[in-house]
Amino acid sequence: MVYPGLIGVTNWGSVALDPGRQLLVLHNSRLPFIVRLLKRDEVAATRKKKPDSEFAQMRGTSYAMQRYPVFSPFGLPRSRPPWGTLLAVDLRTGQKRWESILGTIRDSCSSTVRGL
């Protein structure tokens, strides 16, 4: 299990530097993931059992990677909210200066209801 999670998109290029205030601002995903190495001959059978997984060949090896988020039976992450934050770190001390929640359960539910 990997926590915080390894989801892409929001983590790509996810830092900004404020040199005047000496702050590093970054996105923090708090979602648990399972990451496994599989022998390549196990991938096809594993893909049938867990089709929502991500699979990637590990070049130069006889292995592949399987990765998937850990959700509850209700489709929510198996970790406490917030599942994402915007975080500012003081570059002089390494301490958290401030943190802001990105998204809420209410936001998710509201968009789902509006989409009906």
PDB file of N, CA and C in Angstrom:
ATOM      1  N   MET A   1       0.850  -1.166   0.000  1.00  0.00           N
ATOM      2  CA  MET A   1       0.000   0.000   0.000  1.00  0.00           C
ATOM      3  C   MET A   1       0.898   1.231   0.000  1.00  0.00           C
ATOM      4  N   VAL A   2       0.486   2.201  -0.792  1.00  0.00           N
ATOM      5  CA  VAL A   2       1.205   3.473  -0.882  1.00  0.00           C
ATOM      6  C   VAL A   2       0.252   4.565  -0.434  1.00  0.00           C
ATOM      7  N   TYR A   3       0.700   5.371   0.540  1.00  0.00           N
ATOM      8  CA  TYR A   3      -0.111   6.474   1.030  1.00  0.00           C
ATOM      9  C   TYR A   3       0.819   7.585   1.479  1.00  0.00           C
ATOM     10  N   PRO A   4       0.669   8.830   1.064  1.00  0.00           N
ATOM     11  CA  PRO A   4      -0.308   9.314   0.113  1.00  0.00           C
ATOM     12  C   PRO A   4      -0.108   8.667  -1.250  1.00  0.00           C
ATOM     13  N   GLY A   5      -1.171   8.728  -2.042  1.00  0.00           N
ATOM     14  CA  GLY A   5      -1.221   8.005  -3.296  1.00  0.00           C
ATOM     15  C   GLY A   5      -0.371   8.573  -4.409  1.00  0.00           C
ATOM     16  N   LEU A   6      -0.346   7.809  -5.482  1.00  0.00           N
ATOM     17  CA  LEU A   6       0.484   8.116  -6.641  1.00  0.00           C
ATOM     18  C   LEU A   6      -0.355   8.474  -7.849  1.00  0.00           C
ATOM     19  N   ILE A   7      -1.371   9.273  -7.698  1.00  0.00           N
ATOM     20  CA  ILE A   7      -2.169   9.585  -8.878  1.00  0.00           C
ATOM     21  C   ILE A   7      -1.467  10.656  -9.692  1.00  0.00           C
ATOM     22  N   GLY A   8      -1.613  10.546 -10.975  1.00  0.00           N
ATOM     23  CA  GLY A   8      -0.977  11.510 -11.865  1.00  0.00           C
ATOM     24  C   GLY A   8      -1.833  12.742 -12.038  1.00  0.00           C
ATOM     25  N   VAL A   9      -1.588  13.482 -13.043  1.00  0.00           N
ATOM     26  CA  VAL A   9      -2.269  14.712 -13.432  1.00  0.00           C
ATOM     27  C   VAL A   9      -2.086  15.787 -12.362  1.00  0.00           C
ATOM     28  N   THR A  10      -2.695  15.626 -11.189  1.00  0.00           N
ATOM     29  CA  THR A  10      -2.584  16.673 -10.174  1.00  0.00           C
ATOM     30  C   THR A  10      -1.187  16.719  -9.575  1.00  0.00           C
ATOM     31  N   ASN A  11      -0.425  15.651  -9.690  1.00  0.00           N
ATOM     32  CA  ASN A  11       0.929  15.643  -9.146  1.00  0.00           C
ATOM     33  C   ASN A  11       1.966  16.113 -10.155  1.00  0.00           C
ATOM     34  N   TRP A  12       1.625  16.139 -11.434  1.00  0.00           N
ATOM     35  CA  TRP A  12       2.590  16.538 -12.455  1.00  0.00           C
ATOM     36  C   TRP A  12       2.775  18.052 -12.407  1.00  0.00           C
ATOM     37  N   GLY A  13       3.996  18.480 -12.200  1.00  0.00           N
ATOM     38  CA  GLY A  13       4.266  19.918 -12.152  1.00  0.00           C
ATOM     39  C   GLY A  13       3.503  20.607 -11.044  1.00  0.00           C
ATOM     40  N   SER A  14       3.405  19.942  -9.925  1.00  0.00           N
ATOM     41  CA  SER A  14       2.463  20.393  -8.901  1.00  0.00           C
ATOM     42  C   SER A  14       3.068  21.292  -7.834  1.00  0.00           C
ATOM     43  N   VAL A  15       4.181  21.934  -8.115  1.00  0.00           N
ATOM     44  CA  VAL A  15       4.726  22.855  -7.120  1.00  0.00           C
ATOM     45  C   VAL A  15       4.884  24.242  -7.730  1.00  0.00           C
ATOM     46  N   ALA A  16       4.817  25.215  -6.858  1.00  0.00           N
ATOM     47  CA  ALA A  16       5.078  26.602  -7.246  1.00  0.00           C
ATOM     48  C   ALA A  16       5.952  27.218  -6.167  1.00  0.00           C
ATOM     49  N   LEU A  17       6.829  28.077  -6.566  1.00  0.00           N
ATOM     50  CA  LEU A  17       7.756  28.715  -5.637  1.00  0.00           C
ATOM     51  C   LEU A  17       7.420  30.195  -5.515  1.00  0.00           C
ATOM     52  N   ASP A  18       7.313  30.666  -4.267  1.00  0.00           N
ATOM     53  CA  ASP A  18       7.168  32.090  -3.997  1.00  0.00           C
ATOM     54  C   ASP A  18       8.476  32.542  -3.348  1.00  0.00           C
ATOM     55  N   PRO A  19       9.437  33.028  -4.141  1.00  0.00           N
ATOM     56  CA  PRO A  19      10.742  33.372  -3.574  1.00  0.00           C
ATOM     57  C   PRO A  19      10.692  34.529  -2.577  1.00  0.00           C
ATOM     58  N   GLY A  20       9.764  35.464  -2.765  1.00  0.00           N
ATOM     59  CA  GLY A  20       9.658  36.589  -1.833  1.00  0.00           C
ATOM     60  C   GLY A  20       9.262  36.148  -0.432  1.00  0.00           C
ATOM     61  N   ARG A  21       8.327  35.240  -0.354  1.00  0.00           N
ATOM     62  CA  ARG A  21       7.866  34.734   0.949  1.00  0.00           C
ATOM     63  C   ARG A  21       8.608  33.475   1.378  1.00  0.00           C
ATOM     64  N   GLN A  22       9.467  32.949   0.499  1.00  0.00           N
ATOM     65  CA  GLN A  22      10.206  31.711   0.762  1.00  0.00           C
ATOM     66  C   GLN A  22       9.255  30.552   1.049  1.00  0.00           C
ATOM     67  N   LEU A  23       8.240  30.404   0.141  1.00  0.00           N
ATOM     68  CA  LEU A  23       7.253  29.334   0.277  1.00  0.00           C
ATOM     69  C   LEU A  23       7.288  28.420  -0.935  1.00  0.00           C
ATOM     70  N   LEU A  24       7.112  27.147  -0.689  1.00  0.00           N
ATOM     71  CA  LEU A  24       6.884  26.170  -1.738  1.00  0.00           C
ATOM     72  C   LEU A  24       5.436  25.730  -1.589  1.00  0.00           C
ATOM     73  N   VAL A  25       4.631  25.872  -2.655  1.00  0.00           N
ATOM     74  CA  VAL A  25       3.210  25.535  -2.612  1.00  0.00           C
ATOM     75  C   VAL A  25       3.008  24.292  -3.479  1.00  0.00           C
ATOM     76  N   LEU A  26       2.336  23.276  -2.933  1.00  0.00           N
ATOM     77  CA  LEU A  26       2.170  22.021  -3.655  1.00  0.00           C
ATOM     78  C   LEU A  26       0.821  21.398  -3.383  1.00  0.00           C
ATOM     79  N   HIS A  27       0.416  20.526  -4.300  1.00  0.00           N
ATOM     80  CA  HIS A  27      -0.799  19.736  -4.148  1.00  0.00           C
ATOM     81  C   HIS A  27      -0.426  18.449  -3.437  1.00  0.00           C
ATOM     82  N   ASN A  28      -1.270  18.024  -2.513  1.00  0.00           N
ATOM     83  CA  ASN A  28      -1.023  16.808  -1.742  1.00  0.00           C
ATOM     84  C   ASN A  28      -2.243  15.906  -1.882  1.00  0.00           C
ATOM     85  N   SER A  29      -2.073  14.752  -2.532  1.00  0.00           N
ATOM     86  CA  SER A  29      -3.165  13.779  -2.672  1.00  0.00           C
ATOM     87  C   SER A  29      -3.102  12.793  -1.525  1.00  0.00           C
ATOM     88  N   ARG A  30      -4.197  12.616  -0.842  1.00  0.00           N
ATOM     89  CA  ARG A  30      -4.241  11.713   0.312  1.00  0.00           C
ATOM     90  C   ARG A  30      -5.145  10.526   0.017  1.00  0.00           C
ATOM     91  N   LEU A  31      -4.781   9.790  -1.012  1.00  0.00           N
ATOM     92  CA  LEU A  31      -5.545   8.620  -1.429  1.00  0.00           C
ATOM     93  C   LEU A  31      -4.655   7.386  -1.360  1.00  0.00           C
ATOM     94  N   PRO A  32      -5.149   6.303  -0.749  1.00  0.00           N
ATOM     95  CA  PRO A  32      -4.332   5.086  -0.693  1.00  0.00           C
ATOM     96  C   PRO A  32      -4.406   4.299  -2.007  1.00  0.00           C
ATOM     97  N   PHE A  33      -3.283   3.727  -2.391  1.00  0.00           N
ATOM     98  CA  PHE A  33      -3.179   2.894  -3.584  1.00  0.00           C
ATOM     99  C   PHE A  33      -2.472   1.597  -3.245  1.00  0.00           C
ATOM    100  N   ILE A  34      -2.815   0.552  -3.967  1.00  0.00           N
ATOM    101  CA  ILE A  34      -2.077  -0.702  -3.928  1.00  0.00           C
ATOM    102  C   ILE A  34      -1.206  -0.722  -5.177  1.00  0.00           C
ATOM    103  N   VAL A  35       0.066  -1.023  -5.008  1.00  0.00           N
ATOM    104  CA  VAL A  35       1.000  -1.159  -6.121  1.00  0.00           C
ATOM    105  C   VAL A  35       1.678  -2.518  -5.976  1.00  0.00           C
ATOM    106  N   ARG A  36       1.626  -3.309  -7.055  1.00  0.00           N
ATOM    107  CA  ARG A  36       2.199  -4.655  -7.033  1.00  0.00           C
ATOM    108  C   ARG A  36       3.078  -4.879  -8.254  1.00  0.00           C
ATOM    109  N   LEU A  37       4.105  -5.697  -8.069  1.00  0.00           N
ATOM    110  CA  LEU A  37       4.874  -6.191  -9.203  1.00  0.00           C
ATOM    111  C   LEU A  37       4.350  -7.574  -9.541  1.00  0.00           C
ATOM    112  N   LEU A  38       4.105  -7.817 -10.818  1.00  0.00           N
ATOM    113  CA  LEU A  38       3.614  -9.104 -11.290  1.00  0.00           C
ATOM    114  C   LEU A  38       4.587  -9.653 -12.311  1.00  0.00           C
ATOM    115  N   LYS A  39       4.684 -10.968 -12.383  1.00  0.00           N
ATOM    116  CA  LYS A  39       5.404 -11.565 -13.497  1.00  0.00           C
ATOM    117  C   LYS A  39       4.579 -11.290 -14.742  1.00  0.00           C
ATOM    118  N   ARG A  40       5.233 -11.056 -15.850  1.00  0.00           N
ATOM    119  CA  ARG A  40       4.502 -10.667 -17.071  1.00  0.00           C
ATOM    120  C   ARG A  40       3.464 -11.695 -17.487  1.00  0.00           C
ATOM    121  N   ASP A  41       3.723 -12.972 -17.218  1.00  0.00           N
ATOM    122  CA  ASP A  41       2.748 -13.989 -17.617  1.00  0.00           C
ATOM    123  C   ASP A  41       1.515 -13.996 -16.719  1.00  0.00           C
ATOM    124  N   GLU A  42       1.509 -13.203 -15.640  1.00  0.00           N
ATOM    125  CA  GLU A  42       0.352 -13.091 -14.746  1.00  0.00           C
ATOM    126  C   GLU A  42      -0.554 -11.912 -15.101  1.00  0.00           C
ATOM    127  N   VAL A  43      -0.103 -11.036 -15.977  1.00  0.00           N
ATOM    128  CA  VAL A  43      -0.828  -9.791 -16.249  1.00  0.00           C
ATOM    129  C   VAL A  43      -2.196 -10.046 -16.856  1.00  0.00           C
ATOM    130  N   ALA A  44      -2.296 -10.899 -17.860  1.00  0.00           N
ATOM    131  CA  ALA A  44      -3.587 -11.120 -18.543  1.00  0.00           C
ATOM    132  C   ALA A  44      -4.647 -11.616 -17.569  1.00  0.00           C
ATOM    133  N   ALA A  45      -4.306 -12.590 -16.736  1.00  0.00           N
ATOM    134  CA  ALA A  45      -5.271 -13.124 -15.765  1.00  0.00           C
ATOM    135  C   ALA A  45      -5.624 -12.075 -14.714  1.00  0.00           C
ATOM    136  N   THR A  46      -4.648 -11.306 -14.263  1.00  0.00           N
ATOM    137  CA  THR A  46      -4.895 -10.274 -13.260  1.00  0.00           C
ATOM    138  C   THR A  46      -5.763  -9.167 -13.837  1.00  0.00           C
ATOM    139  N   ARG A  47      -5.550  -8.818 -15.106  1.00  0.00           N
ATOM    140  CA  ARG A  47      -6.355  -7.778 -15.759  1.00  0.00           C
ATOM    141  C   ARG A  47      -7.830  -8.192 -15.815  1.00  0.00           C
ATOM    142  N   LYS A  48      -8.103  -9.483 -16.025  1.00  0.00           N
ATOM    143  CA  LYS A  48      -9.493  -9.969 -16.046  1.00  0.00           C
ATOM    144  C   LYS A  48     -10.129  -9.868 -14.661  1.00  0.00           C
ATOM    145  N   LYS A  49      -9.354 -10.146 -13.606  1.00  0.00           N
ATOM    146  CA  LYS A  49      -9.879 -10.091 -12.232  1.00  0.00           C
ATOM    147  C   LYS A  49     -10.067  -8.653 -11.753  1.00  0.00           C
ATOM    148  N   LYS A  50      -9.193  -7.768 -12.187  1.00  0.00           N
ATOM    149  CA  LYS A  50      -9.193  -6.375 -11.698  1.00  0.00           C
ATOM    150  C   LYS A  50      -9.034  -5.431 -12.888  1.00  0.00           C
ATOM    151  N   PRO A  51     -10.090  -5.314 -13.732  1.00  0.00           N
ATOM    152  CA  PRO A  51      -9.965  -4.545 -14.974  1.00  0.00           C
ATOM    153  C   PRO A  51      -9.775  -3.037 -14.782  1.00  0.00           C
ATOM    154  N   ASP A  52     -10.101  -2.510 -13.618  1.00  0.00           N
ATOM    155  CA  ASP A  52      -9.939  -1.075 -13.387  1.00  0.00           C
ATOM    156  C   ASP A  52      -8.525  -0.694 -12.970  1.00  0.00           C
ATOM    157  N   SER A  53      -7.645  -1.687 -12.859  1.00  0.00           N
ATOM    158  CA  SER A  53      -6.254  -1.411 -12.494  1.00  0.00           C
ATOM    159  C   SER A  53      -5.501  -0.780 -13.644  1.00  0.00           C
ATOM    160  N   GLU A  54      -4.430  -0.094 -13.296  1.00  0.00           N
ATOM    161  CA  GLU A  54      -3.482   0.392 -14.295  1.00  0.00           C
ATOM    162  C   GLU A  54      -2.338  -0.614 -14.348  1.00  0.00           C
ATOM    163  N   PHE A  55      -1.885  -0.966 -15.547  1.00  0.00           N
ATOM    164  CA  PHE A  55      -0.777  -1.891 -15.726  1.00  0.00           C
ATOM    165  C   PHE A  55       0.298  -1.215 -16.558  1.00  0.00           C
ATOM    166  N   ALA A  56       1.557  -1.467 -16.230  1.00  0.00           N
ATOM    167  CA  ALA A  56       2.670  -0.910 -17.001  1.00  0.00           C
ATOM    168  C   ALA A  56       3.809  -1.917 -17.010  1.00  0.00           C
ATOM    169  N   GLN A  57       4.429  -2.077 -18.174  1.00  0.00           N
ATOM    170  CA  GLN A  57       5.587  -2.959 -18.271  1.00  0.00           C
ATOM    171  C   GLN A  57       6.773  -2.287 -17.607  1.00  0.00           C
ATOM    172  N   MET A  58       7.561  -3.069 -16.923  1.00  0.00           N
ATOM    173  CA  MET A  58       8.781  -2.570 -16.301  1.00  0.00           C
ATOM    174  C   MET A  58       9.916  -2.931 -17.264  1.00  0.00           C
ATOM    175  N   ARG A  59      10.274  -1.995 -18.129  1.00  0.00           N
ATOM    176  CA  ARG A  59      11.255  -2.254 -19.192  1.00  0.00           C
ATOM    177  C   ARG A  59      12.556  -2.819 -18.634  1.00  0.00           C
ATOM    178  N   GLY A  60      13.077  -3.784 -19.357  1.00  0.00           N
ATOM    179  CA  GLY A  60      14.340  -4.393 -18.962  1.00  0.00           C
ATOM    180  C   GLY A  60      14.200  -5.451 -17.883  1.00  0.00           C
ATOM    181  N   THR A  61      12.955  -5.758 -17.493  1.00  0.00           N
ATOM    182  CA  THR A  61      12.708  -6.778 -16.473  1.00  0.00           C
ATOM    183  C   THR A  61      11.656  -7.748 -16.976  1.00  0.00           C
ATOM    184  N   SER A  62      11.422  -8.790 -16.230  1.00  0.00           N
ATOM    185  CA  SER A  62      10.364  -9.744 -16.580  1.00  0.00           C
ATOM    186  C   SER A  62       9.100  -9.461 -15.758  1.00  0.00           C
ATOM    187  N   TYR A  63       8.949  -8.213 -15.291  1.00  0.00           N
ATOM    188  CA  TYR A  63       7.831  -7.840 -14.434  1.00  0.00           C
ATOM    189  C   TYR A  63       6.994  -6.722 -15.037  1.00  0.00           C
ATOM    190  N   ALA A  64       5.779  -6.593 -14.507  1.00  0.00           N
ATOM    191  CA  ALA A  64       4.884  -5.490 -14.831  1.00  0.00           C
ATOM    192  C   ALA A  64       4.364  -4.922 -13.512  1.00  0.00           C
ATOM    193  N   MET A  65       3.905  -3.684 -13.563  1.00  0.00           N
ATOM    194  CA  MET A  65       3.362  -3.020 -12.384  1.00  0.00           C
ATOM    195  C   MET A  65       1.839  -3.003 -12.493  1.00  0.00           C
ATOM    196  N   GLN A  66       1.173  -3.253 -11.363  1.00  0.00           N
ATOM    197  CA  GLN A  66      -0.280  -3.100 -11.252  1.00  0.00           C
ATOM    198  C   GLN A  66      -0.522  -2.053 -10.181  1.00  0.00           C
ATOM    199  N   ARG A  67      -1.425  -1.104 -10.467  1.00  0.00           N
ATOM    200  CA  ARG A  67      -1.729  -0.051  -9.501  1.00  0.00           C
ATOM    201  C   ARG A  67      -3.219   0.222  -9.525  1.00  0.00           C
ATOM    202  N   TYR A  68      -3.811   0.378  -8.317  1.00  0.00           N
ATOM    203  CA  TYR A  68      -5.231   0.723  -8.242  1.00  0.00           C
ATOM    204  C   TYR A  68      -5.521   1.396  -6.907  1.00  0.00           C
ATOM    205  N   PRO A  69      -6.502   2.322  -6.894  1.00  0.00           N
ATOM    206  CA  PRO A  69      -6.880   2.999  -5.654  1.00  0.00           C
ATOM    207  C   PRO A  69      -7.675   2.065  -4.745  1.00  0.00           C
ATOM    208  N   VAL A  70      -7.643   2.343  -3.460  1.00  0.00           N
ATOM    209  CA  VAL A  70      -8.364   1.544  -2.475  1.00  0.00           C
ATOM    210  C   VAL A  70      -9.646   2.287  -2.107  1.00  0.00           C
ATOM    211  N   PHE A  71     -10.788   1.727  -2.542  1.00  0.00           N
ATOM    212  CA  PHE A  71     -12.088   2.341  -2.281  1.00  0.00           C
ATOM    213  C   PHE A  71     -12.929   1.466  -1.367  1.00  0.00           C
ATOM    214  N   SER A  72     -13.856   2.102  -0.662  1.00  0.00           N
ATOM    215  CA  SER A  72     -14.828   1.388   0.168  1.00  0.00           C
ATOM    216  C   SER A  72     -15.924   0.834  -0.741  1.00  0.00           C
ATOM    217  N   PRO A  73     -16.813  -0.010  -0.205  1.00  0.00           N
ATOM    218  CA  PRO A  73     -17.934  -0.493  -1.013  1.00  0.00           C
ATOM    219  C   PRO A  73     -18.843   0.631  -1.517  1.00  0.00           C
ATOM    220  N   PHE A  74     -18.760   1.819  -0.902  1.00  0.00           N
ATOM    221  CA  PHE A  74     -19.570   2.967  -1.321  1.00  0.00           C
ATOM    222  C   PHE A  74     -18.898   3.775  -2.426  1.00  0.00           C
ATOM    223  N   GLY A  75     -17.696   3.362  -2.847  1.00  0.00           N
ATOM    224  CA  GLY A  75     -16.979   4.074  -3.903  1.00  0.00           C
ATOM    225  C   GLY A  75     -16.179   5.258  -3.416  1.00  0.00           C
ATOM    226  N   LEU A  76     -16.011   5.389  -2.101  1.00  0.00           N
ATOM    227  CA  LEU A  76     -15.222   6.476  -1.529  1.00  0.00           C
ATOM    228  C   LEU A  76     -13.849   5.948  -1.127  1.00  0.00           C
ATOM    229  N   PRO A  77     -12.830   6.810  -1.122  1.00  0.00           N
ATOM    230  CA  PRO A  77     -11.507   6.365  -0.691  1.00  0.00           C
ATOM    231  C   PRO A  77     -11.534   5.829   0.742  1.00  0.00           C
ATOM    232  N   ARG A  78     -10.679   4.872   1.008  1.00  0.00           N
ATOM    233  CA  ARG A  78     -10.583   4.280   2.344  1.00  0.00           C
ATOM    234  C   ARG A  78      -9.623   5.065   3.228  1.00  0.00           C
ATOM    235  N   SER A  79      -9.698   6.356   3.150  1.00  0.00           N
ATOM    236  CA  SER A  79      -8.932   7.239   4.027  1.00  0.00           C
ATOM    237  C   SER A  79      -9.831   8.409   4.384  1.00  0.00           C
ATOM    238  N   ARG A  80      -9.515   9.032   5.490  1.00  0.00           N
ATOM    239  CA  ARG A  80     -10.323  10.180   5.919  1.00  0.00           C
ATOM    240  C   ARG A  80     -10.148  11.359   4.985  1.00  0.00           C
ATOM    241  N   PRO A  81     -11.227  12.099   4.749  1.00  0.00           N
ATOM    242  CA  PRO A  81     -11.063  13.360   4.023  1.00  0.00           C
ATOM    243  C   PRO A  81     -10.281  14.344   4.903  1.00  0.00           C
ATOM    244  N   PRO A  82      -9.657  15.315   4.349  1.00  0.00           N
ATOM    245  CA  PRO A  82      -9.687  15.673   2.939  1.00  0.00           C
ATOM    246  C   PRO A  82      -8.779  14.761   2.119  1.00  0.00           C
ATOM    247  N   TRP A  83      -9.174  14.523   0.858  1.00  0.00           N
ATOM    248  CA  TRP A  83      -8.396  13.659  -0.021  1.00  0.00           C
ATOM    249  C   TRP A  83      -7.407  14.458  -0.849  1.00  0.00           C
ATOM    250  N   GLY A  84      -7.469  15.746  -0.757  1.00  0.00           N
ATOM    251  CA  GLY A  84      -6.508  16.592  -1.440  1.00  0.00           C
ATOM    252  C   GLY A  84      -6.406  17.943  -0.758  1.00  0.00           C
ATOM    253  N   THR A  85      -5.198  18.484  -0.726  1.00  0.00           N
ATOM    254  CA  THR A  85      -4.987  19.803  -0.137  1.00  0.00           C
ATOM    255  C   THR A  85      -3.997  20.586  -0.982  1.00  0.00           C
ATOM    256  N   LEU A  86      -4.019  21.881  -0.793  1.00  0.00           N
ATOM    257  CA  LEU A  86      -2.987  22.766  -1.299  1.00  0.00           C
ATOM    258  C   LEU A  86      -2.188  23.158  -0.071  1.00  0.00           C
ATOM    259  N   LEU A  87      -0.889  22.956  -0.112  1.00  0.00           N
ATOM    260  CA  LEU A  87      -0.044  23.076   1.072  1.00  0.00           C
ATOM    261  C   LEU A  87       1.103  24.032   0.795  1.00  0.00           C
ATOM    262  N   ALA A  88       1.383  24.926   1.742  1.00  0.00           N
ATOM    263  CA  ALA A  88       2.528  25.830   1.639  1.00  0.00           C
ATOM    264  C   ALA A  88       3.551  25.459   2.699  1.00  0.00           C
ATOM    265  N   VAL A  89       4.787  25.259   2.248  1.00  0.00           N
ATOM    266  CA  VAL A  89       5.882  24.884   3.143  1.00  0.00           C
ATOM    267  C   VAL A  89       6.887  26.025   3.194  1.00  0.00           C
ATOM    268  N   ASP A  90       7.279  26.411   4.417  1.00  0.00           N
ATOM    269  CA  ASP A  90       8.277  27.455   4.627  1.00  0.00           C
ATOM    270  C   ASP A  90       9.643  26.881   4.272  1.00  0.00           C
ATOM    271  N   LEU A  91      10.313  27.455   3.260  1.00  0.00           N
ATOM    272  CA  LEU A  91      11.599  26.926   2.810  1.00  0.00           C
ATOM    273  C   LEU A  91      12.724  27.148   3.819  1.00  0.00           C
ATOM    274  N   ARG A  92      12.550  28.091   4.716  1.00  0.00           N
ATOM    275  CA  ARG A  92      13.588  28.329   5.726  1.00  0.00           C
ATOM    276  C   ARG A  92      13.535  27.295   6.840  1.00  0.00           C
ATOM    277  N   THR A  93      12.314  26.884   7.226  1.00  0.00           N
ATOM    278  CA  THR A  93      12.167  25.987   8.379  1.00  0.00           C
ATOM    279  C   THR A  93      11.725  24.573   8.004  1.00  0.00           C
ATOM    280  N   GLY A  94      11.141  24.422   6.801  1.00  0.00           N
ATOM    281  CA  GLY A  94      10.598  23.120   6.411  1.00  0.00           C
ATOM    282  C   GLY A  94       9.238  22.833   7.033  1.00  0.00           C
ATOM    283  N   GLN A  95       8.681  23.788   7.752  1.00  0.00           N
ATOM    284  CA  GLN A  95       7.402  23.607   8.428  1.00  0.00           C
ATOM    285  C   GLN A  95       6.233  24.027   7.537  1.00  0.00           C
ATOM    286  N   LYS A  96       5.075  23.432   7.803  1.00  0.00           N
ATOM    287  CA  LYS A  96       3.861  23.811   7.094  1.00  0.00           C
ATOM    288  C   LYS A  96       3.458  25.220   7.523  1.00  0.00           C
ATOM    289  N   ARG A  97       3.239  26.108   6.544  1.00  0.00           N
ATOM    290  CA  ARG A  97       2.805  27.470   6.842  1.00  0.00           C
ATOM    291  C   ARG A  97       1.292  27.558   6.805  1.00  0.00           C
ATOM    292  N   TRP A  98       0.669  26.955   5.765  1.00  0.00           N
ATOM    293  CA  TRP A  98      -0.795  26.912   5.682  1.00  0.00           C
ATOM    294  C   TRP A  98      -1.197  25.746   4.801  1.00  0.00           C
ATOM    295  N   GLU A  99      -2.480  25.394   4.912  1.00  0.00           N
ATOM    296  CA  GLU A  99      -3.025  24.300   4.129  1.00  0.00           C
ATOM    297  C   GLU A  99      -4.491  24.595   3.834  1.00  0.00           C
ATOM    298  N   SER A 100      -4.923  24.282   2.598  1.00  0.00           N
ATOM    299  CA  SER A 100      -6.301  24.521   2.190  1.00  0.00           C
ATOM    300  C   SER A 100      -6.859  23.245   1.565  1.00  0.00           C
ATOM    301  N   ILE A 101      -8.066  22.881   1.934  1.00  0.00           N
ATOM    302  CA  ILE A 101      -8.708  21.667   1.416  1.00  0.00           C
ATOM    303  C   ILE A 101      -9.123  21.873  -0.035  1.00  0.00           C
ATOM    304  N   LEU A 102      -8.873  20.853  -0.861  1.00  0.00           N
ATOM    305  CA  LEU A 102      -9.296  20.865  -2.262  1.00  0.00           C
ATOM    306  C   LEU A 102     -10.428  19.862  -2.424  1.00  0.00           C
ATOM    307  N   GLY A 103     -11.627  20.339  -2.600  1.00  0.00           N
ATOM    308  CA  GLY A 103     -12.784  19.465  -2.791  1.00  0.00           C
ATOM    309  C   GLY A 103     -13.303  18.886  -1.487  1.00  0.00           C
ATOM    310  N   THR A 104     -14.579  18.553  -1.493  1.00  0.00           N
ATOM    311  CA  THR A 104     -15.224  17.968  -0.322  1.00  0.00           C
ATOM    312  C   THR A 104     -16.185  16.878  -0.780  1.00  0.00           C
ATOM    313  N   ILE A 105     -16.672  16.094   0.156  1.00  0.00           N
ATOM    314  CA  ILE A 105     -17.690  15.092  -0.169  1.00  0.00           C
ATOM    315  C   ILE A 105     -18.925  15.796  -0.717  1.00  0.00           C
ATOM    316  N   ARG A 106     -19.277  16.935  -0.138  1.00  0.00           N
ATOM    317  CA  ARG A 106     -20.438  17.693  -0.609  1.00  0.00           C
ATOM    318  C   ARG A 106     -20.258  18.093  -2.067  1.00  0.00           C
ATOM    319  N   ASP A 107     -19.041  18.528  -2.446  1.00  0.00           N
ATOM    320  CA  ASP A 107     -18.781  18.883  -3.847  1.00  0.00           C
ATOM    321  C   ASP A 107     -19.007  17.679  -4.748  1.00  0.00           C
ATOM    322  N   SER A 108     -18.518  16.523  -4.345  1.00  0.00           N
ATOM    323  CA  SER A 108     -18.674  15.299  -5.149  1.00  0.00           C
ATOM    324  C   SER A 108     -20.137  14.910  -5.278  1.00  0.00           C
ATOM    325  N   CYS A 109     -20.852  14.956  -4.172  1.00  0.00           N
ATOM    326  CA  CYS A 109     -22.267  14.573  -4.198  1.00  0.00           C
ATOM    327  C   CYS A 109     -23.083  15.568  -5.013  1.00  0.00           C
ATOM    328  N   SER A 110     -22.793  16.846  -4.879  1.00  0.00           N
ATOM    329  CA  SER A 110     -23.546  17.861  -5.604  1.00  0.00           C
ATOM    330  C   SER A 110     -23.380  17.696  -7.100  1.00  0.00           C
ATOM    331  N   SER A 111     -22.155  17.432  -7.561  1.00  0.00           N
ATOM    332  CA  SER A 111     -21.940  17.286  -9.007  1.00  0.00           C
ATOM    333  C   SER A 111     -22.606  16.012  -9.511  1.00  0.00           C
ATOM    334  N   THR A 112     -22.644  14.977  -8.704  1.00  0.00           N
ATOM    335  CA  THR A 112     -23.295  13.736  -9.103  1.00  0.00           C
ATOM    336  C   THR A 112     -24.794  13.949  -9.233  1.00  0.00           C
ATOM    337  N   VAL A 113     -25.387  14.640  -8.271  1.00  0.00           N
ATOM    338  CA  VAL A 113     -26.823  14.887  -8.296  1.00  0.00           C
ATOM    339  C   VAL A 113     -27.173  15.788  -9.479  1.00  0.00           C
ATOM    340  N   ARG A 114     -26.364  16.824  -9.738  1.00  0.00           N
ATOM    341  CA  ARG A 114     -26.641  17.721 -10.860  1.00  0.00           C
ATOM    342  C   ARG A 114     -26.560  16.976 -12.186  1.00  0.00           C
ATOM    343  N   GLY A 115     -25.727  15.911 -12.252  1.00  0.00           N
ATOM    344  CA  GLY A 115     -25.558  15.181 -13.500  1.00  0.00           C
ATOM    345  C   GLY A 115     -26.686  14.212 -13.810  1.00  0.00           C
ATOM    346  N   LEU A 116     -27.649  14.047 -12.901  1.00  0.00           N
ATOM    347  CA  LEU A 116     -28.759  13.097 -13.147  1.00  0.00           C
ATOM    348  C   LEU A 116     -29.726  13.608 -14.169  1.00  0.00           C
TER     349      LEU A 116
END
